[in-house]
N, C-alpha and C. Protein backbone atom coordinates (compact mmCIF):
# COMPACT_ATOMS: atom_id res chain seq x y z
N MET A 1 -19.05 -10.95 -2.73
CA MET A 1 -18.17 -11.70 -3.72
C MET A 1 -18.26 -13.15 -3.31
N PRO A 2 -18.57 -14.07 -3.99
CA PRO A 2 -18.43 -15.60 -3.62
C PRO A 2 -16.74 -15.93 -3.55
N ALA A 3 -16.59 -16.58 -2.48
CA ALA A 3 -15.14 -17.12 -2.19
C ALA A 3 -14.52 -17.73 -3.40
N SER A 4 -15.38 -18.24 -4.24
CA SER A 4 -14.99 -19.09 -5.32
C SER A 4 -14.49 -18.16 -6.49
N ASP A 5 -14.81 -16.94 -6.40
CA ASP A 5 -14.51 -15.82 -7.33
C ASP A 5 -13.11 -15.17 -7.22
N VAL A 6 -12.76 -15.42 -5.77
CA VAL A 6 -11.41 -14.70 -5.39
C VAL A 6 -10.27 -15.21 -5.79
N ARG A 7 -9.32 -14.42 -6.47
CA ARG A 7 -8.34 -15.05 -7.27
C ARG A 7 -7.03 -14.44 -6.61
N ALA A 8 -7.09 -13.52 -5.93
CA ALA A 8 -5.93 -12.85 -5.14
C ALA A 8 -6.39 -11.97 -3.77
N LEU A 9 -5.87 -11.79 -2.88
CA LEU A 9 -6.03 -11.09 -1.85
C LEU A 9 -4.85 -10.57 -1.28
N ALA A 10 -4.87 -9.32 -0.73
CA ALA A 10 -4.07 -8.86 -0.02
C ALA A 10 -4.38 -8.37 1.59
N LEU A 11 -3.31 -8.45 2.52
CA LEU A 11 -3.59 -8.28 3.64
C LEU A 11 -2.65 -6.98 3.93
N LEU A 12 -3.02 -5.55 4.31
CA LEU A 12 -2.07 -4.46 4.55
C LEU A 12 -2.41 -3.91 5.77
N SER A 13 -1.04 -3.47 6.48
CA SER A 13 -1.33 -2.60 7.49
C SER A 13 -1.81 -1.38 7.16
N ASP A 14 -2.17 -0.37 8.12
CA ASP A 14 -2.50 0.93 7.65
C ASP A 14 -1.17 1.85 7.01
N GLY A 15 0.01 1.47 7.48
CA GLY A 15 1.18 1.88 6.97
C GLY A 15 1.26 1.46 5.50
N ALA A 16 1.09 0.58 5.35
CA ALA A 16 1.31 -0.02 3.95
C ALA A 16 0.18 0.48 3.02
N SER A 17 -0.93 0.61 3.56
CA SER A 17 -2.05 1.40 2.65
C SER A 17 -1.97 2.67 2.31
N ARG A 18 -0.90 3.31 2.81
CA ARG A 18 -1.07 4.87 2.87
C ARG A 18 -0.91 5.54 1.41
N VAL A 19 -0.42 4.76 0.36
CA VAL A 19 -0.28 5.19 -0.98
C VAL A 19 -1.83 5.39 -1.70
N ALA A 20 -2.69 4.62 -1.05
CA ALA A 20 -3.99 4.77 -1.50
C ALA A 20 -4.93 5.58 -0.46
N GLY A 21 -4.54 5.63 0.64
CA GLY A 21 -5.40 6.30 1.66
C GLY A 21 -4.80 7.81 1.73
N ARG A 22 -3.95 7.86 2.71
CA ARG A 22 -3.19 9.30 3.14
C ARG A 22 -2.66 9.95 1.86
N PHE A 23 -1.78 9.30 1.26
CA PHE A 23 -0.95 10.00 0.14
C PHE A 23 -1.86 10.08 -1.10
N ALA A 24 -2.89 9.37 -1.33
CA ALA A 24 -3.69 9.37 -2.45
C ALA A 24 -2.96 9.34 -3.89
N LEU A 25 -2.00 8.47 -3.81
CA LEU A 25 -1.01 8.30 -5.11
C LEU A 25 -1.63 7.30 -6.06
N THR A 26 -2.36 6.54 -5.41
CA THR A 26 -3.07 5.37 -6.38
C THR A 26 -4.43 5.27 -5.76
N ASP A 27 -5.00 4.14 -6.18
CA ASP A 27 -6.30 3.61 -5.71
C ASP A 27 -6.31 2.26 -5.34
N TRP A 28 -7.47 1.76 -4.71
CA TRP A 28 -7.11 0.26 -4.25
C TRP A 28 -6.91 -0.78 -5.56
N PRO A 29 -7.76 -0.60 -6.54
CA PRO A 29 -7.08 -1.48 -7.80
C PRO A 29 -5.86 -1.18 -8.23
N GLY A 30 -5.12 0.08 -8.10
CA GLY A 30 -3.75 0.27 -8.29
C GLY A 30 -2.91 -0.43 -7.37
N ILE A 31 -3.13 -0.43 -6.09
CA ILE A 31 -2.52 -1.40 -5.18
C ILE A 31 -2.31 -2.71 -5.47
N MET A 32 -3.59 -3.31 -6.04
CA MET A 32 -3.54 -4.67 -6.41
C MET A 32 -2.77 -5.05 -7.64
N ARG A 33 -2.79 -4.00 -8.46
CA ARG A 33 -1.89 -3.97 -9.85
C ARG A 33 -0.61 -4.33 -9.33
N THR A 34 -0.08 -3.29 -8.50
CA THR A 34 1.24 -3.21 -8.00
C THR A 34 1.63 -4.65 -7.34
N LEU A 35 0.95 -5.00 -6.44
CA LEU A 35 1.12 -6.26 -5.82
C LEU A 35 1.21 -7.35 -6.79
N ALA A 36 0.27 -7.38 -7.71
CA ALA A 36 0.30 -8.56 -8.99
C ALA A 36 1.63 -8.43 -9.78
N ASN A 37 2.03 -7.13 -10.05
CA ASN A 37 2.99 -7.21 -10.85
C ASN A 37 4.46 -6.97 -10.49
N HIS A 38 4.45 -6.47 -9.03
CA HIS A 38 5.68 -6.12 -8.76
C HIS A 38 6.08 -6.71 -7.31
N GLY A 39 4.84 -7.19 -6.55
CA GLY A 39 5.01 -7.63 -5.39
C GLY A 39 5.11 -6.61 -4.00
N PRO A 40 5.04 -7.21 -2.91
CA PRO A 40 4.74 -6.37 -1.68
C PRO A 40 5.95 -5.44 -1.68
N ALA A 41 7.22 -5.78 -1.98
CA ALA A 41 8.41 -4.85 -1.72
C ALA A 41 8.26 -3.55 -2.39
N GLU A 42 7.57 -3.54 -3.63
CA GLU A 42 7.54 -2.36 -4.40
C GLU A 42 6.40 -1.44 -3.70
N LEU A 43 5.32 -2.05 -3.21
CA LEU A 43 4.34 -1.08 -2.59
C LEU A 43 4.84 -0.62 -1.47
N LEU A 44 5.64 -1.17 -0.72
CA LEU A 44 6.29 -0.59 0.50
C LEU A 44 7.32 0.57 0.25
N SER A 45 8.11 0.28 -0.78
CA SER A 45 9.04 1.17 -1.37
C SER A 45 8.14 2.76 -2.01
N GLN A 46 7.18 2.33 -2.42
CA GLN A 46 6.20 3.58 -2.97
C GLN A 46 6.01 4.37 -1.58
N ASN A 47 5.50 3.59 -0.61
CA ASN A 47 5.16 4.40 0.57
C ASN A 47 6.18 5.12 1.34
N ARG A 48 7.53 4.44 1.28
CA ARG A 48 8.64 4.95 1.91
C ARG A 48 9.05 6.08 1.02
N ALA A 49 8.98 6.08 -0.40
CA ALA A 49 9.24 7.17 -1.11
C ALA A 49 8.54 8.32 -0.90
N ALA A 50 7.22 8.11 -0.71
CA ALA A 50 6.23 9.22 -0.34
C ALA A 50 6.57 9.86 0.97
N GLU A 51 6.87 9.09 2.07
CA GLU A 51 7.33 9.52 3.42
C GLU A 51 8.53 10.40 3.21
N HIS A 52 9.43 9.86 2.62
CA HIS A 52 10.88 10.86 2.41
C HIS A 52 10.62 12.09 1.47
N ASP A 53 9.71 12.11 0.39
CA ASP A 53 9.53 13.20 -0.13
C ASP A 53 8.81 14.45 0.62
N ASP A 54 8.21 13.96 1.90
CA ASP A 54 7.43 14.90 2.76
C ASP A 54 7.86 14.66 4.01
N PRO A 55 9.09 14.88 4.23
CA PRO A 55 9.62 14.55 5.70
C PRO A 55 9.22 15.09 6.84
N ASP A 56 8.45 16.55 6.71
CA ASP A 56 7.89 17.39 7.87
C ASP A 56 6.48 17.15 7.85
N GLY A 57 5.89 16.28 7.01
CA GLY A 57 4.54 16.07 6.95
C GLY A 57 3.57 17.37 6.39
N SER A 58 4.31 18.18 5.97
CA SER A 58 3.44 19.34 5.40
C SER A 58 2.47 19.06 4.14
N ARG A 59 2.93 18.34 3.31
CA ARG A 59 2.03 17.77 2.28
C ARG A 59 0.99 16.89 2.55
N TRP A 60 1.47 16.03 3.60
CA TRP A 60 0.56 14.83 3.93
C TRP A 60 0.47 14.89 5.63
N PRO A 61 -0.19 15.72 6.05
CA PRO A 61 -0.11 15.88 7.58
C PRO A 61 -0.35 14.21 8.18
N ARG A 62 0.51 13.94 9.06
CA ARG A 62 0.50 12.60 9.80
C ARG A 62 1.07 12.87 11.23
N ARG A 63 0.72 11.88 11.99
CA ARG A 63 1.21 11.93 13.44
C ARG A 63 2.74 11.25 13.35
N LYS A 64 2.99 10.37 12.49
CA LYS A 64 4.16 9.59 12.55
C LYS A 64 4.85 10.03 11.01
N ILE A 65 6.16 10.59 10.86
CA ILE A 65 6.56 10.49 9.53
C ILE A 65 6.56 9.20 8.89
N HIS A 66 7.26 8.20 9.62
CA HIS A 66 7.43 6.88 8.97
C HIS A 66 6.63 5.90 10.09
N ASP A 67 5.67 5.25 9.26
CA ASP A 67 4.74 4.41 9.83
C ASP A 67 5.19 2.93 9.64
N ASP A 68 4.81 2.04 10.46
CA ASP A 68 5.18 0.55 10.21
C ASP A 68 4.41 0.11 9.06
N ALA A 69 4.99 -0.82 8.27
CA ALA A 69 4.45 -1.06 6.96
C ALA A 69 4.36 -2.50 6.75
N THR A 70 3.44 -3.18 6.65
CA THR A 70 3.50 -4.74 6.23
C THR A 70 2.39 -5.04 5.13
N ALA A 71 2.78 -5.84 4.30
CA ALA A 71 1.80 -6.22 3.05
C ALA A 71 2.03 -7.67 2.85
N ALA A 72 1.03 -8.34 2.69
CA ALA A 72 1.02 -9.55 2.41
C ALA A 72 0.13 -9.80 1.02
N TYR A 73 0.47 -10.66 0.20
CA TYR A 73 -0.24 -10.68 -1.15
C TYR A 73 -0.39 -12.13 -1.46
N VAL A 74 -1.33 -12.71 -1.68
CA VAL A 74 -1.78 -14.02 -1.88
C VAL A 74 -2.50 -14.44 -3.32
N THR A 75 -1.95 -15.43 -4.17
CA THR A 75 -2.58 -15.66 -5.24
C THR A 75 -2.96 -17.28 -5.31
N GLY A 76 -3.29 -17.53 -6.33
CA GLY A 76 -3.67 -18.89 -6.61
C GLY A 76 -4.61 -19.59 -5.71
N LEU A 77 -5.69 -18.84 -5.22
CA LEU A 77 -6.64 -19.28 -4.21
C LEU A 77 -7.78 -20.19 -4.88
């Protein structure tokens, strides 16, 4: 995609992207919609809610029950 076509971008740690990856609760366009409509805090809240809903890692096996999560969303490029 040409840089001139980019209108927004997201930078996510692996912990922040778990809702589309490990947890499969949304897809990548869904992550971008969440960021656009509600901001990074909502995305991180969704991750934390999934972690809390599966505290022993039985639904979504993982090494760490709670992973660090960082999200940045930039618009107006």
